[in-house]
C-alpha atoms as a PDB file:
ATOM      1  CA  UNK A   1     -11.918 -27.042  36.097  1.00  0.00           C
ATOM      2  CA  UNK A   2     -10.553 -28.868  33.065  1.00  0.00           C
ATOM      3  CA  UNK A   3     -12.948 -26.904  30.830  1.00  0.00           C
ATOM      4  CA  UNK A   4     -11.668 -23.628  32.249  1.00  0.00           C
ATOM      5  CA  UNK A   5      -8.078 -24.674  31.559  1.00  0.00           C
ATOM      6  CA  UNK A   6      -8.912 -25.644  27.976  1.00  0.00           C
ATOM      7  CA  UNK A   7     -10.790 -22.350  27.497  1.00  0.00           C
ATOM      8  CA  UNK A   8      -7.782 -20.358  28.756  1.00  0.00           C
ATOM      9  CA  UNK A   9      -5.458 -22.191  26.366  1.00  0.00           C
ATOM     10  CA  UNK A  10      -7.778 -21.653  23.395  1.00  0.00           C
ATOM     11  CA  UNK A  11      -8.183 -17.958  24.204  1.00  0.00           C
ATOM     12  CA  UNK A  12      -4.412 -17.562  24.522  1.00  0.00           C
ATOM     13  CA  UNK A  13      -3.866 -19.155  21.127  1.00  0.00           C
ATOM     14  CA  UNK A  14      -6.552 -17.043  19.468  1.00  0.00           C
ATOM     15  CA  UNK A  15      -5.056 -13.839  20.844  1.00  0.00           C
ATOM     16  CA  UNK A  16      -1.986 -14.512  18.702  1.00  0.00           C
ATOM     17  CA  UNK A  17      -4.170 -14.582  15.578  1.00  0.00           C
ATOM     18  CA  UNK A  18      -5.403 -11.004  15.660  1.00  0.00           C
ATOM     19  CA  UNK A  19      -6.111  -9.290  12.366  1.00  0.00           C
ATOM     20  CA  UNK A  20      -3.996  -6.326  11.384  1.00  0.00           C
ATOM     21  CA  UNK A  21      -5.657  -3.322   9.802  1.00  0.00           C
ATOM     22  CA  UNK A  22      -5.639  -3.041   6.013  1.00  0.00           C
ATOM     23  CA  UNK A  23      -2.322  -1.475   5.062  1.00  0.00           C
ATOM     24  CA  UNK A  24      -0.633  -2.947   8.131  1.00  0.00           C
ATOM     25  CA  UNK A  25      -0.968  -6.506   6.840  1.00  0.00           C
ATOM     26  CA  UNK A  26       2.116  -8.085   5.277  1.00  0.00           C
ATOM     27  CA  UNK A  27       0.989  -7.445   1.681  1.00  0.00           C
ATOM     28  CA  UNK A  28       0.155  -3.804   2.435  1.00  0.00           C
ATOM     29  CA  UNK A  29       3.495  -3.221   4.177  1.00  0.00           C
ATOM     30  CA  UNK A  30       5.447  -4.757   1.283  1.00  0.00           C
ATOM     31  CA  UNK A  31       3.594  -2.641  -1.274  1.00  0.00           C
ATOM     32  CA  UNK A  32       4.065   0.554   0.725  1.00  0.00           C
ATOM     33  CA  UNK A  33       7.804  -0.174   0.774  1.00  0.00           C
ATOM     34  CA  UNK A  34       7.694  -0.905  -2.971  1.00  0.00           C
ATOM     35  CA  UNK A  35       5.804   2.276  -3.891  1.00  0.00           C
ATOM     36  CA  UNK A  36       7.468   4.755  -1.509  1.00  0.00           C
ATOM     37  CA  UNK A  37      10.471   5.160  -3.892  1.00  0.00           C
ATOM     38  CA  UNK A  38       7.982   5.873  -6.711  1.00  0.00           C
ATOM     39  CA  UNK A  39       6.387   8.657  -4.642  1.00  0.00           C
ATOM     40  CA  UNK A  40       9.832  10.063  -3.785  1.00  0.00           C
ATOM     41  CA  UNK A  41      10.712  10.012  -7.504  1.00  0.00           C
ATOM     42  CA  UNK A  42       7.467  11.825  -8.353  1.00  0.00           C
ATOM     43  CA  UNK A  43       8.315  14.506  -5.779  1.00  0.00           C
ATOM     44  CA  UNK A  44      11.860  14.844  -7.213  1.00  0.00           C
ATOM     45  CA  UNK A  45      10.399  15.214 -10.722  1.00  0.00           C
ATOM     46  CA  UNK A  46       8.029  17.902  -9.424  1.00  0.00           C
ATOM     47  CA  UNK A  47      10.902  19.780  -7.768  1.00  0.00           C
ATOM     48  CA  UNK A  48      12.954  19.674 -10.961  1.00  0.00           C
ATOM     49  CA  UNK A  49      10.215  20.536 -13.470  1.00  0.00           C
ATOM     50  CA  UNK A  50       7.714  22.461 -11.340  1.00  0.00           C
ATOM     51  CA  UNK A  51       4.836  20.084 -12.060  1.00  0.00           C
ATOM     52  CA  UNK A  52       3.830  16.483 -11.489  1.00  0.00           C
ATOM     53  CA  UNK A  53       4.531  14.110 -14.379  1.00  0.00           C
ATOM     54  CA  UNK A  54       1.560  13.579 -16.654  1.00  0.00           C
ATOM     55  CA  UNK A  55       2.780  10.038 -17.234  1.00  0.00           C
ATOM     56  CA  UNK A  56       4.766   7.973 -14.731  1.00  0.00           C
ATOM     57  CA  UNK A  57       6.961   6.673 -17.560  1.00  0.00           C
ATOM     58  CA  UNK A  58       8.598  10.129 -17.501  1.00  0.00           C
ATOM     59  CA  UNK A  59      10.289   9.111 -14.235  1.00  0.00           C
ATOM     60  CA  UNK A  60      12.416   6.495 -16.030  1.00  0.00           C
ATOM     61  CA  UNK A  61      15.434   6.543 -16.186  1.00  0.00           C
ATOM     62  CA  UNK A  62      16.288   9.887 -14.520  1.00  0.00           C
ATOM     63  CA  UNK A  63      14.341   9.314 -11.285  1.00  0.00           C
ATOM     64  CA  UNK A  64      13.707   5.535 -11.276  1.00  0.00           C
ATOM     65  CA  UNK A  65      15.456   2.636 -12.987  1.00  0.00           C
ATOM     66  CA  UNK A  66      12.039   1.174 -13.845  1.00  0.00           C
ATOM     67  CA  UNK A  67       8.417   1.398 -12.795  1.00  0.00           C
ATOM     68  CA  UNK A  68       6.801  -1.445 -10.863  1.00  0.00           C
ATOM     69  CA  UNK A  69       4.393  -3.549 -12.918  1.00  0.00           C
ATOM     70  CA  UNK A  70       0.915  -2.019 -13.093  1.00  0.00           C
ATOM     71  CA  UNK A  71      -1.025  -5.131 -13.987  1.00  0.00           C
ATOM     72  CA  UNK A  72      -4.653  -5.702 -12.964  1.00  0.00           C
ATOM     73  CA  UNK A  73      -4.144  -9.449 -13.484  1.00  0.00           C
ATOM     74  CA  UNK A  74      -1.639  -9.446 -10.600  1.00  0.00           C
ATOM     75  CA  UNK A  75      -4.200  -7.832  -8.295  1.00  0.00           C
ATOM     76  CA  UNK A  76      -2.105  -4.691  -7.777  1.00  0.00           C
ATOM     77  CA  UNK A  77      -2.779  -1.463  -9.657  1.00  0.00           C
ATOM     78  CA  UNK A  78      -1.585   2.060  -8.961  1.00  0.00           C
ATOM     79  CA  UNK A  79      -2.369   5.579 -10.109  1.00  0.00           C
ATOM     80  CA  UNK A  80      -1.048   9.118  -9.783  1.00  0.00           C
ATOM     81  CA  UNK A  81      -3.840  11.674  -9.383  1.00  0.00           C
ATOM     82  CA  UNK A  82      -2.189  14.833 -10.707  1.00  0.00           C
ATOM     83  CA  UNK A  83      -5.145  17.084  -9.791  1.00  0.00           C
ATOM     84  CA  UNK A  84      -5.093  16.001  -6.141  1.00  0.00           C
ATOM     85  CA  UNK A  85      -1.350  15.387  -5.865  1.00  0.00           C
ATOM     86  CA  UNK A  86      -1.880  11.868  -4.530  1.00  0.00           C
ATOM     87  CA  UNK A  87      -0.589   8.396  -5.337  1.00  0.00           C
ATOM     88  CA  UNK A  88      -2.861   5.388  -4.733  1.00  0.00           C
ATOM     89  CA  UNK A  89      -2.483   1.647  -5.049  1.00  0.00           C
ATOM     90  CA  UNK A  90      -5.139  -1.067  -4.832  1.00  0.00           C
ATOM     91  CA  UNK A  91      -4.351  -4.594  -3.686  1.00  0.00           C
ATOM     92  CA  UNK A  92      -5.715  -7.751  -2.103  1.00  0.00           C
ATOM     93  CA  UNK A  93      -4.870  -7.661   1.622  1.00  0.00           C
ATOM     94  CA  UNK A  94      -3.354 -10.604   3.453  1.00  0.00           C
ATOM     95  CA  UNK A  95      -5.627 -13.039   5.257  1.00  0.00           C
ATOM     96  CA  UNK A  96      -8.030 -12.598   7.044  1.00  0.00           C
ATOM     97  CA  UNK A  97      -9.135  -9.419   5.232  1.00  0.00           C
ATOM     98  CA  UNK A  98     -11.768 -10.041   2.538  1.00  0.00           C
ATOM     99  CA  UNK A  99     -12.138  -7.792  -0.471  1.00  0.00           C
ATOM    100  CA  UNK A 100      -9.641  -5.173  -1.580  1.00  0.00           C
ATOM    101  CA  UNK A 101      -7.438  -2.595   0.071  1.00  0.00           C
ATOM    102  CA  UNK A 102      -6.559   0.898  -1.054  1.00  0.00           C
ATOM    103  CA  UNK A 103      -3.582   2.921   0.181  1.00  0.00           C
ATOM    104  CA  UNK A 104      -2.962   6.567  -0.727  1.00  0.00           C
ATOM    105  CA  UNK A 105      -0.419   9.208   0.125  1.00  0.00           C
ATOM    106  CA  UNK A 106       0.192  12.826  -0.668  1.00  0.00           C
ATOM    107  CA  UNK A 107       3.137  13.454  -2.965  1.00  0.00           C
ATOM    108  CA  UNK A 108       4.366  16.209  -0.613  1.00  0.00           C
ATOM    109  CA  UNK A 109       4.910  13.866   2.310  1.00  0.00           C
ATOM    110  CA  UNK A 110       4.753  10.078   2.331  1.00  0.00           C
ATOM    111  CA  UNK A 111       2.123   9.123   4.907  1.00  0.00           C
ATOM    112  CA  UNK A 112       0.159   6.098   3.715  1.00  0.00           C
ATOM    113  CA  UNK A 113      -3.550   6.037   4.604  1.00  0.00           C
ATOM    114  CA  UNK A 114      -5.249   2.719   3.909  1.00  0.00           C
ATOM    115  CA  UNK A 115      -8.788   1.383   3.922  1.00  0.00           C
ATOM    116  CA  UNK A 116     -10.476  -1.864   2.979  1.00  0.00           C
ATOM    117  CA  UNK A 117     -13.636  -2.462   1.021  1.00  0.00           C
ATOM    118  CA  UNK A 118     -15.625  -5.377  -0.370  1.00  0.00           C
END
């Protein structure tokens, strides 16, 4: 009976440690919040000029005060795919996800889709 009680307690504690999907982890959520204004600025640029910017630096200062750092050494990189009209960032997800995560959205409507890979 004691073993059953200990097993129930352990299972209850482990249930609180579930893994969130890539993109829904804390790092992914923070980066989505960080990059959503960039996507909105890209869309505003497109509405004003009729095309996506060929270089994200064109967003500053009229659409953004500054661009977030795009530094591979930090583990976070991002890219605008003009041909597809998408914005993507790569990052290292929060524990317990191994490998890297990638989140993308259409410029037309912000709807982040994320996936993990090794």
